[in-house]
């Protein structure tokens, strides 16, 4: 399972669902994403 382009970062910038990239990384990996397109 791979993320799309910068979409972990966009959990902060676009969705306002994470306060920073560290938290966004945690949310994405714990949701089941295996490969982060960063």
ModelCIF file with pLDDT and N, C-alpha, C, O atoms, coordinates in Angstrom:
data_MODEL
#
_entry.id   MODEL 
#
_entity.id                         1 
_entity.type                       polymer 
_entity.pdbx_number_of_molecules   1 
#
_entity_poly.entity_id                      1 
_entity_poly.type                           'polypeptide(L)' 
_entity_poly.nstd_linkage                   no 
_entity_poly.nstd_monomer                   no 
_entity_poly.pdbx_seq_one_letter_code       
;(UNK)(UNK)(UNK)(UNK)(UNK)(UNK)(UNK)(UNK)(UNK)(UNK)(UNK)(UNK)(UNK)(UNK)(UNK)(UNK)
(UNK)(UNK)(UNK)(UNK)(UNK)(UNK)(UNK)(UNK)(UNK)(UNK)(UNK)(UNK)(UNK)(UNK)(UNK)(UNK)
(UNK)(UNK)(UNK)(UNK)(UNK)(UNK)
;
_entity_poly.pdbx_seq_one_letter_code_can   XXXXXXXXXXXXXXXXXXXXXXXXXXXXXXXXXXXXXX 
_entity_poly.pdbx_strand_id                 A 
#
loop_
_entity_poly_seq.entity_id 
_entity_poly_seq.num 
_entity_poly_seq.mon_id 
_entity_poly_seq.hetero 
1 1  UNK n 
1 2  UNK n 
1 3  UNK n 
1 4  UNK n 
1 5  UNK n 
1 6  UNK n 
1 7  UNK n 
1 8  UNK n 
1 9  UNK n 
1 10 UNK n 
1 11 UNK n 
1 12 UNK n 
1 13 UNK n 
1 14 UNK n 
1 15 UNK n 
1 16 UNK n 
1 17 UNK n 
1 18 UNK n 
1 19 UNK n 
1 20 UNK n 
1 21 UNK n 
1 22 UNK n 
1 23 UNK n 
1 24 UNK n 
1 25 UNK n 
1 26 UNK n 
1 27 UNK n 
1 28 UNK n 
1 29 UNK n 
1 30 UNK n 
1 31 UNK n 
1 32 UNK n 
1 33 UNK n 
1 34 UNK n 
1 35 UNK n 
1 36 UNK n 
1 37 UNK n 
1 38 UNK n 
#
_struct_asym.id          A 
_struct_asym.entity_id   1 
#
loop_
_ma_qa_metric.id 
_ma_qa_metric.mode 
_ma_qa_metric.name 
_ma_qa_metric.software_group_id 
_ma_qa_metric.type 
1 global pLDDT . pLDDT 
2 local  pLDDT . pLDDT 
#
_ma_qa_metric_global.metric_id      1 
_ma_qa_metric_global.metric_value   97.82 
_ma_qa_metric_global.model_id       1 
_ma_qa_metric_global.ordinal_id     1 
#
loop_
_ma_qa_metric_local.label_asym_id 
_ma_qa_metric_local.label_comp_id 
_ma_qa_metric_local.label_seq_id 
_ma_qa_metric_local.metric_id 
_ma_qa_metric_local.metric_value 
_ma_qa_metric_local.model_id 
_ma_qa_metric_local.ordinal_id 
A UNK 1  2 98.00 1 1  
A UNK 2  2 98.00 1 2  
A UNK 3  2 98.00 1 3  
A UNK 4  2 98.00 1 4  
A UNK 5  2 97.00 1 5  
A UNK 6  2 97.00 1 6  
A UNK 7  2 98.00 1 7  
A UNK 8  2 97.00 1 8  
A UNK 9  2 97.00 1 9  
A UNK 10 2 98.00 1 10 
A UNK 11 2 98.00 1 11 
A UNK 12 2 98.00 1 12 
A UNK 13 2 96.00 1 13 
A UNK 14 2 97.00 1 14 
A UNK 15 2 98.00 1 15 
A UNK 16 2 98.00 1 16 
A UNK 17 2 98.00 1 17 
A UNK 18 2 98.00 1 18 
A UNK 19 2 98.00 1 19 
A UNK 20 2 98.00 1 20 
A UNK 21 2 98.00 1 21 
A UNK 22 2 98.00 1 22 
A UNK 23 2 98.00 1 23 
A UNK 24 2 98.00 1 24 
A UNK 25 2 98.00 1 25 
A UNK 26 2 98.00 1 26 
A UNK 27 2 98.00 1 27 
A UNK 28 2 98.00 1 28 
A UNK 29 2 98.00 1 29 
A UNK 30 2 98.00 1 30 
A UNK 31 2 98.00 1 31 
A UNK 32 2 98.00 1 32 
A UNK 33 2 98.00 1 33 
A UNK 34 2 98.00 1 34 
A UNK 35 2 98.00 1 35 
A UNK 36 2 98.00 1 36 
A UNK 37 2 98.00 1 37 
A UNK 38 2 98.00 1 38 
#
loop_
_atom_site.group_PDB 
_atom_site.id 
_atom_site.type_symbol 
_atom_site.label_atom_id 
_atom_site.label_alt_id 
_atom_site.label_comp_id 
_atom_site.label_asym_id 
_atom_site.label_entity_id 
_atom_site.label_seq_id 
_atom_site.pdbx_PDB_ins_code 
_atom_site.Cartn_x 
_atom_site.Cartn_y 
_atom_site.Cartn_z 
_atom_site.occupancy 
_atom_site.B_iso_or_equiv 
_atom_site.pdbx_formal_charge 
_atom_site.auth_seq_id 
_atom_site.auth_comp_id 
_atom_site.auth_asym_id 
_atom_site.auth_atom_id 
_atom_site.pdbx_PDB_model_num 
ATOM 1   N N  . UNK A 1 1  ? 0.861  -1.177 0.000  1.00 98.00 ? 1  UNK A N  1 
ATOM 2   C CA . UNK A 1 1  ? 0.000  0.000  0.000  1.00 98.00 ? 1  UNK A CA 1 
ATOM 3   C C  . UNK A 1 1  ? 0.899  1.228  0.000  1.00 98.00 ? 1  UNK A C  1 
ATOM 4   O O  . UNK A 1 1  ? 1.683  1.426  0.928  1.00 98.00 ? 1  UNK A O  1 
ATOM 5   N N  . UNK A 1 2  ? 0.789  2.045  -1.026 1.00 98.00 ? 2  UNK A N  1 
ATOM 6   C CA . UNK A 1 2  ? 1.639  3.229  -1.161 1.00 98.00 ? 2  UNK A CA 1 
ATOM 7   C C  . UNK A 1 2  ? 0.797  4.496  -1.101 1.00 98.00 ? 2  UNK A C  1 
ATOM 8   O O  . UNK A 1 2  ? -0.329 4.525  -1.598 1.00 98.00 ? 2  UNK A O  1 
ATOM 9   N N  . UNK A 1 3  ? 1.342  5.537  -0.495 1.00 98.00 ? 3  UNK A N  1 
ATOM 10  C CA . UNK A 1 3  ? 0.659  6.827  -0.486 1.00 98.00 ? 3  UNK A CA 1 
ATOM 11  C C  . UNK A 1 3  ? 0.831  7.483  -1.845 1.00 98.00 ? 3  UNK A C  1 
ATOM 12  O O  . UNK A 1 3  ? 1.672  7.063  -2.641 1.00 98.00 ? 3  UNK A O  1 
ATOM 13  N N  . UNK A 1 4  ? 0.046  8.501  -2.109 1.00 98.00 ? 4  UNK A N  1 
ATOM 14  C CA . UNK A 1 4  ? 0.233  9.287  -3.324 1.00 98.00 ? 4  UNK A CA 1 
ATOM 15  C C  . UNK A 1 4  ? 1.202  10.429 -3.017 1.00 98.00 ? 4  UNK A C  1 
ATOM 16  O O  . UNK A 1 4  ? 1.648  10.590 -1.881 1.00 98.00 ? 4  UNK A O  1 
ATOM 17  N N  . UNK A 1 5  ? 1.516  11.207 -4.031 1.00 97.00 ? 5  UNK A N  1 
ATOM 18  C CA . UNK A 1 5  ? 2.571  12.216 -3.991 1.00 97.00 ? 5  UNK A CA 1 
ATOM 19  C C  . UNK A 1 5  ? 2.369  13.225 -2.858 1.00 97.00 ? 5  UNK A C  1 
ATOM 20  O O  . UNK A 1 5  ? 1.414  14.001 -2.871 1.00 97.00 ? 5  UNK A O  1 
ATOM 21  N N  . UNK A 1 6  ? 3.273  13.207 -1.886 1.00 97.00 ? 6  UNK A N  1 
ATOM 22  C CA . UNK A 1 6  ? 3.282  14.165 -0.761 1.00 97.00 ? 6  UNK A CA 1 
ATOM 23  C C  . UNK A 1 6  ? 2.034  14.096 0.110  1.00 97.00 ? 6  UNK A C  1 
ATOM 24  O O  . UNK A 1 6  ? 1.769  15.027 0.870  1.00 97.00 ? 6  UNK A O  1 
ATOM 25  N N  . UNK A 1 7  ? 1.271  13.032 0.020  1.00 98.00 ? 7  UNK A N  1 
ATOM 26  C CA . UNK A 1 7  ? -0.024 13.048 0.710  1.00 98.00 ? 7  UNK A CA 1 
ATOM 27  C C  . UNK A 1 7  ? 0.071  12.832 2.209  1.00 98.00 ? 7  UNK A C  1 
ATOM 28  O O  . UNK A 1 7  ? -0.892 13.095 2.930  1.00 98.00 ? 7  UNK A O  1 
ATOM 29  N N  . UNK A 1 8  ? 1.222  12.355 2.697  1.00 97.00 ? 8  UNK A N  1 
ATOM 30  C CA . UNK A 1 8  ? 1.401  12.341 4.145  1.00 97.00 ? 8  UNK A CA 1 
ATOM 31  C C  . UNK A 1 8  ? 1.559  13.777 4.641  1.00 97.00 ? 8  UNK A C  1 
ATOM 32  O O  . UNK A 1 8  ? 0.950  14.180 5.632  1.00 97.00 ? 8  UNK A O  1 
ATOM 33  N N  . UNK A 1 9  ? 2.383  14.533 3.935  1.00 97.00 ? 9  UNK A N  1 
ATOM 34  C CA . UNK A 1 9  ? 2.549  15.954 4.249  1.00 97.00 ? 9  UNK A CA 1 
ATOM 35  C C  . UNK A 1 9  ? 1.225  16.711 4.122  1.00 97.00 ? 9  UNK A C  1 
ATOM 36  O O  . UNK A 1 9  ? 0.947  17.630 4.893  1.00 97.00 ? 9  UNK A O  1 
ATOM 37  N N  . UNK A 1 10 ? 0.419  16.315 3.147  1.00 98.00 ? 10 UNK A N  1 
ATOM 38  C CA . UNK A 1 10 ? -0.845 17.020 2.923  1.00 98.00 ? 10 UNK A CA 1 
ATOM 39  C C  . UNK A 1 10 ? -1.882 16.736 4.005  1.00 98.00 ? 10 UNK A C  1 
ATOM 40  O O  . UNK A 1 10 ? -2.893 17.433 4.087  1.00 98.00 ? 10 UNK A O  1 
ATOM 41  N N  . UNK A 1 11 ? -1.642 15.713 4.845  1.00 98.00 ? 11 UNK A N  1 
ATOM 42  C CA . UNK A 1 11 ? -2.507 15.529 6.009  1.00 98.00 ? 11 UNK A CA 1 
ATOM 43  C C  . UNK A 1 11 ? -2.417 16.741 6.924  1.00 98.00 ? 11 UNK A C  1 
ATOM 44  O O  . UNK A 1 11 ? -3.346 17.041 7.674  1.00 98.00 ? 11 UNK A O  1 
ATOM 45  N N  . UNK A 1 12 ? -1.283 17.434 6.850  1.00 98.00 ? 12 UNK A N  1 
ATOM 46  C CA . UNK A 1 12 ? -1.095 18.674 7.609  1.00 98.00 ? 12 UNK A CA 1 
ATOM 47  C C  . UNK A 1 12 ? -1.604 19.862 6.800  1.00 98.00 ? 12 UNK A C  1 
ATOM 48  O O  . UNK A 1 12 ? -2.434 20.637 7.274  1.00 98.00 ? 12 UNK A O  1 
ATOM 49  N N  . UNK A 1 13 ? -1.102 19.997 5.582  1.00 96.00 ? 13 UNK A N  1 
ATOM 50  C CA . UNK A 1 13 ? -1.333 21.212 4.794  1.00 96.00 ? 13 UNK A CA 1 
ATOM 51  C C  . UNK A 1 13 ? -2.732 21.304 4.193  1.00 96.00 ? 13 UNK A C  1 
ATOM 52  O O  . UNK A 1 13 ? -3.365 22.359 4.239  1.00 96.00 ? 13 UNK A O  1 
ATOM 53  N N  . UNK A 1 14 ? -3.212 20.194 3.627  1.00 97.00 ? 14 UNK A N  1 
ATOM 54  C CA . UNK A 1 14 ? -4.483 20.233 2.894  1.00 97.00 ? 14 UNK A CA 1 
ATOM 55  C C  . UNK A 1 14 ? -5.671 19.821 3.742  1.00 97.00 ? 14 UNK A C  1 
ATOM 56  O O  . UNK A 1 14 ? -6.735 20.437 3.673  1.00 97.00 ? 14 UNK A O  1 
ATOM 57  N N  . UNK A 1 15 ? -5.488 18.770 4.548  1.00 98.00 ? 15 UNK A N  1 
ATOM 58  C CA . UNK A 1 15 ? -6.628 18.232 5.297  1.00 98.00 ? 15 UNK A CA 1 
ATOM 59  C C  . UNK A 1 15 ? -6.738 18.785 6.712  1.00 98.00 ? 15 UNK A C  1 
ATOM 60  O O  . UNK A 1 15 ? -7.795 18.694 7.335  1.00 98.00 ? 15 UNK A O  1 
ATOM 61  N N  . UNK A 1 16 ? -5.644 19.362 7.224  1.00 98.00 ? 16 UNK A N  1 
ATOM 62  C CA . UNK A 1 16 ? -5.631 19.880 8.600  1.00 98.00 ? 16 UNK A CA 1 
ATOM 63  C C  . UNK A 1 16 ? -6.039 18.805 9.598  1.00 98.00 ? 16 UNK A C  1 
ATOM 64  O O  . UNK A 1 16 ? -6.748 19.072 10.568 1.00 98.00 ? 16 UNK A O  1 
ATOM 65  N N  . UNK A 1 17 ? -5.574 17.578 9.337  1.00 98.00 ? 17 UNK A N  1 
ATOM 66  C CA . UNK A 1 17 ? -5.897 16.449 10.210 1.00 98.00 ? 17 UNK A CA 1 
ATOM 67  C C  . UNK A 1 17 ? -4.731 16.048 11.104 1.00 98.00 ? 17 UNK A C  1 
ATOM 68  O O  . UNK A 1 17 ? -4.878 15.190 11.976 1.00 98.00 ? 17 UNK A O  1 
ATOM 69  N N  . UNK A 1 18 ? -3.580 16.663 10.891 1.00 98.00 ? 18 UNK A N  1 
ATOM 70  C CA . UNK A 1 18 ? -2.408 16.414 11.731 1.00 98.00 ? 18 UNK A CA 1 
ATOM 71  C C  . UNK A 1 18 ? -1.723 17.748 11.989 1.00 98.00 ? 18 UNK A C  1 
ATOM 72  O O  . UNK A 1 18 ? -1.728 18.635 11.136 1.00 98.00 ? 18 UNK A O  1 
ATOM 73  N N  . UNK A 1 19 ? -1.129 17.882 13.181 1.00 98.00 ? 19 UNK A N  1 
ATOM 74  C CA . UNK A 1 19 ? -0.532 19.175 13.539 1.00 98.00 ? 19 UNK A CA 1 
ATOM 75  C C  . UNK A 1 19 ? 0.818  19.386 12.884 1.00 98.00 ? 19 UNK A C  1 
ATOM 76  O O  . UNK A 1 19 ? 1.229  20.524 12.657 1.00 98.00 ? 19 UNK A O  1 
ATOM 77  N N  . UNK A 1 20 ? 1.523  18.281 12.573 1.00 98.00 ? 20 UNK A N  1 
ATOM 78  C CA . UNK A 1 20 ? 2.823  18.399 11.922 1.00 98.00 ? 20 UNK A CA 1 
ATOM 79  C C  . UNK A 1 20 ? 3.105  17.102 11.169 1.00 98.00 ? 20 UNK A C  1 
ATOM 80  O O  . UNK A 1 20 ? 2.317  16.158 11.215 1.00 98.00 ? 20 UNK A O  1 
ATOM 81  N N  . UNK A 1 21 ? 4.236  17.074 10.478 1.00 98.00 ? 21 UNK A N  1 
ATOM 82  C CA . UNK A 1 21 ? 4.553  15.921 9.626  1.00 98.00 ? 21 UNK A CA 1 
ATOM 83  C C  . UNK A 1 21 ? 4.852  14.669 10.448 1.00 98.00 ? 21 UNK A C  1 
ATOM 84  O O  . UNK A 1 21 ? 4.599  13.553 9.993  1.00 98.00 ? 21 UNK A O  1 
ATOM 85  N N  . UNK A 1 22 ? 5.378  14.843 11.627 1.00 98.00 ? 22 UNK A N  1 
ATOM 86  C CA . UNK A 1 22 ? 5.621  13.687 12.499 1.00 98.00 ? 22 UNK A CA 1 
ATOM 87  C C  . UNK A 1 22 ? 4.309  12.988 12.828 1.00 98.00 ? 22 UNK A C  1 
ATOM 88  O O  . UNK A 1 22 ? 4.199  11.767 12.718 1.00 98.00 ? 22 UNK A O  1 
ATOM 89  N N  . UNK A 1 23 ? 3.313  13.777 13.232 1.00 98.00 ? 23 UNK A N  1 
ATOM 90  C CA . UNK A 1 23 ? 2.015  13.183 13.551 1.00 98.00 ? 23 UNK A CA 1 
ATOM 91  C C  . UNK A 1 23 ? 1.371  12.596 12.297 1.00 98.00 ? 23 UNK A C  1 
ATOM 92  O O  . UNK A 1 23 ? 0.737  11.543 12.358 1.00 98.00 ? 23 UNK A O  1 
ATOM 93  N N  . UNK A 1 24 ? 1.531  13.269 11.173 1.00 98.00 ? 24 UNK A N  1 
ATOM 94  C CA . UNK A 1 24 ? 0.971  12.752 9.924  1.00 98.00 ? 24 UNK A CA 1 
ATOM 95  C C  . UNK A 1 24 ? 1.593  11.414 9.557  1.00 98.00 ? 24 UNK A C  1 
ATOM 96  O O  . UNK A 1 24 ? 0.896  10.512 9.093  1.00 98.00 ? 24 UNK A O  1 
ATOM 97  N N  . UNK A 1 25 ? 2.889  11.278 9.761  1.00 98.00 ? 25 UNK A N  1 
ATOM 98  C CA . UNK A 1 25 ? 3.573  10.011 9.492  1.00 98.00 ? 25 UNK A CA 1 
ATOM 99  C C  . UNK A 1 25 ? 3.016  8.903  10.375 1.00 98.00 ? 25 UNK A C  1 
ATOM 100 O O  . UNK A 1 25 ? 2.784  7.787  9.911  1.00 98.00 ? 25 UNK A O  1 
ATOM 101 N N  . UNK A 1 26 ? 2.805  9.212  11.631 1.00 98.00 ? 26 UNK A N  1 
ATOM 102 C CA . UNK A 1 26 ? 2.238  8.225  12.561 1.00 98.00 ? 26 UNK A CA 1 
ATOM 103 C C  . UNK A 1 26 ? 0.846  7.789  12.114 1.00 98.00 ? 26 UNK A C  1 
ATOM 104 O O  . UNK A 1 26 ? 0.547  6.595  12.081 1.00 98.00 ? 26 UNK A O  1 
ATOM 105 N N  . UNK A 1 27 ? 0.005  8.746  11.772 1.00 98.00 ? 27 UNK A N  1 
ATOM 106 C CA . UNK A 1 27 ? -1.359 8.419  11.357 1.00 98.00 ? 27 UNK A CA 1 
ATOM 107 C C  . UNK A 1 27 ? -1.365 7.567  10.095 1.00 98.00 ? 27 UNK A C  1 
ATOM 108 O O  . UNK A 1 27 ? -2.125 6.604  9.997  1.00 98.00 ? 27 UNK A O  1 
ATOM 109 N N  . UNK A 1 28 ? -0.519 7.917  9.126  1.00 98.00 ? 28 UNK A N  1 
ATOM 110 C CA . UNK A 1 28 ? -0.484 7.200  7.854  1.00 98.00 ? 28 UNK A CA 1 
ATOM 111 C C  . UNK A 1 28 ? 0.010  5.770  8.034  1.00 98.00 ? 28 UNK A C  1 
ATOM 112 O O  . UNK A 1 28 ? -0.603 4.832  7.524  1.00 98.00 ? 28 UNK A O  1 
ATOM 113 N N  . UNK A 1 29 ? 1.120  5.597  8.760  1.00 98.00 ? 29 UNK A N  1 
ATOM 114 C CA . UNK A 1 29 ? 1.674  4.254  8.953  1.00 98.00 ? 29 UNK A CA 1 
ATOM 115 C C  . UNK A 1 29 ? 0.723  3.398  9.778  1.00 98.00 ? 29 UNK A C  1 
ATOM 116 O O  . UNK A 1 29 ? 0.513  2.228  9.456  1.00 98.00 ? 29 UNK A O  1 
ATOM 117 N N  . UNK A 1 30 ? 0.152  3.952  10.824 1.00 98.00 ? 30 UNK A N  1 
ATOM 118 C CA . UNK A 1 30 ? -0.769 3.177  11.657 1.00 98.00 ? 30 UNK A CA 1 
ATOM 119 C C  . UNK A 1 30 ? -2.069 2.839  10.934 1.00 98.00 ? 30 UNK A C  1 
ATOM 120 O O  . UNK A 1 30 ? -2.747 1.876  11.293 1.00 98.00 ? 30 UNK A O  1 
ATOM 121 N N  . UNK A 1 31 ? -2.417 3.620  9.924  1.00 98.00 ? 31 UNK A N  1 
ATOM 122 C CA . UNK A 1 31 ? -3.629 3.303  9.158  1.00 98.00 ? 31 UNK A CA 1 
ATOM 123 C C  . UNK A 1 31 ? -3.408 2.099  8.245  1.00 98.00 ? 31 UNK A C  1 
ATOM 124 O O  . UNK A 1 31 ? -4.366 1.464  7.803  1.00 98.00 ? 31 UNK A O  1 
ATOM 125 N N  . UNK A 1 32 ? -2.135 1.787  7.963  1.00 98.00 ? 32 UNK A N  1 
ATOM 126 C CA . UNK A 1 32 ? -1.828 0.630  7.114  1.00 98.00 ? 32 UNK A CA 1 
ATOM 127 C C  . UNK A 1 32 ? -1.011 0.946  5.884  1.00 98.00 ? 32 UNK A C  1 
ATOM 128 O O  . UNK A 1 32 ? -0.766 0.053  5.073  1.00 98.00 ? 32 UNK A O  1 
ATOM 129 N N  . UNK A 1 33 ? -0.573 2.202  5.710  1.00 98.00 ? 33 UNK A N  1 
ATOM 130 C CA . UNK A 1 33 ? 0.267  2.541  4.556  1.00 98.00 ? 33 UNK A CA 1 
ATOM 131 C C  . UNK A 1 33 ? 1.667  1.985  4.782  1.00 98.00 ? 33 UNK A C  1 
ATOM 132 O O  . UNK A 1 33 ? 2.266  2.171  5.841  1.00 98.00 ? 33 UNK A O  1 
ATOM 133 N N  . UNK A 1 34 ? 2.177  1.295  3.757  1.00 98.00 ? 34 UNK A N  1 
ATOM 134 C CA . UNK A 1 34 ? 3.470  0.622  3.865  1.00 98.00 ? 34 UNK A CA 1 
ATOM 135 C C  . UNK A 1 34 ? 4.619  1.441  3.296  1.00 98.00 ? 34 UNK A C  1 
ATOM 136 O O  . UNK A 1 34 ? 5.727  1.435  3.833  1.00 98.00 ? 34 UNK A O  1 
ATOM 137 N N  . UNK A 1 35 ? 4.345  2.141  2.208  1.00 98.00 ? 35 UNK A N  1 
ATOM 138 C CA . UNK A 1 35 ? 5.383  2.866  1.478  1.00 98.00 ? 35 UNK A CA 1 
ATOM 139 C C  . UNK A 1 35 ? 4.938  4.319  1.346  1.00 98.00 ? 35 UNK A C  1 
ATOM 140 O O  . UNK A 1 35 ? 3.890  4.601  0.766  1.00 98.00 ? 35 UNK A O  1 
ATOM 141 N N  . UNK A 1 36 ? 5.728  5.233  1.879  1.00 98.00 ? 36 UNK A N  1 
ATOM 142 C CA . UNK A 1 36 ? 5.353  6.643  1.916  1.00 98.00 ? 36 UNK A CA 1 
ATOM 143 C C  . UNK A 1 36 ? 6.026  7.387  0.767  1.00 98.00 ? 36 UNK A C  1 
ATOM 144 O O  . UNK A 1 36 ? 7.252  7.487  0.709  1.00 98.00 ? 36 UNK A O  1 
ATOM 145 N N  . UNK A 1 37 ? 5.204  7.909  -0.148 1.00 98.00 ? 37 UNK A N  1 
ATOM 146 C CA . UNK A 1 37 ? 5.733  8.689  -1.257 1.00 98.00 ? 37 UNK A CA 1 
ATOM 147 C C  . UNK A 1 37 ? 5.994  10.100 -0.750 1.00 98.00 ? 37 UNK A C  1 
ATOM 148 O O  . UNK A 1 37 ? 5.137  10.983 -0.796 1.00 98.00 ? 37 UNK A O  1 
ATOM 149 N N  . UNK A 1 38 ? 7.207  10.268 -0.268 1.00 98.00 ? 38 UNK A N  1 
ATOM 150 C CA . UNK A 1 38 ? 7.660  11.536 0.298  1.00 98.00 ? 38 UNK A CA 1 
ATOM 151 C C  . UNK A 1 38 ? 8.740  12.049 -0.651 1.00 98.00 ? 38 UNK A C  1 
ATOM 152 O O  . UNK A 1 38 ? 9.309  13.116 -0.421 1.00 98.00 ? 38 UNK A O  1 
#
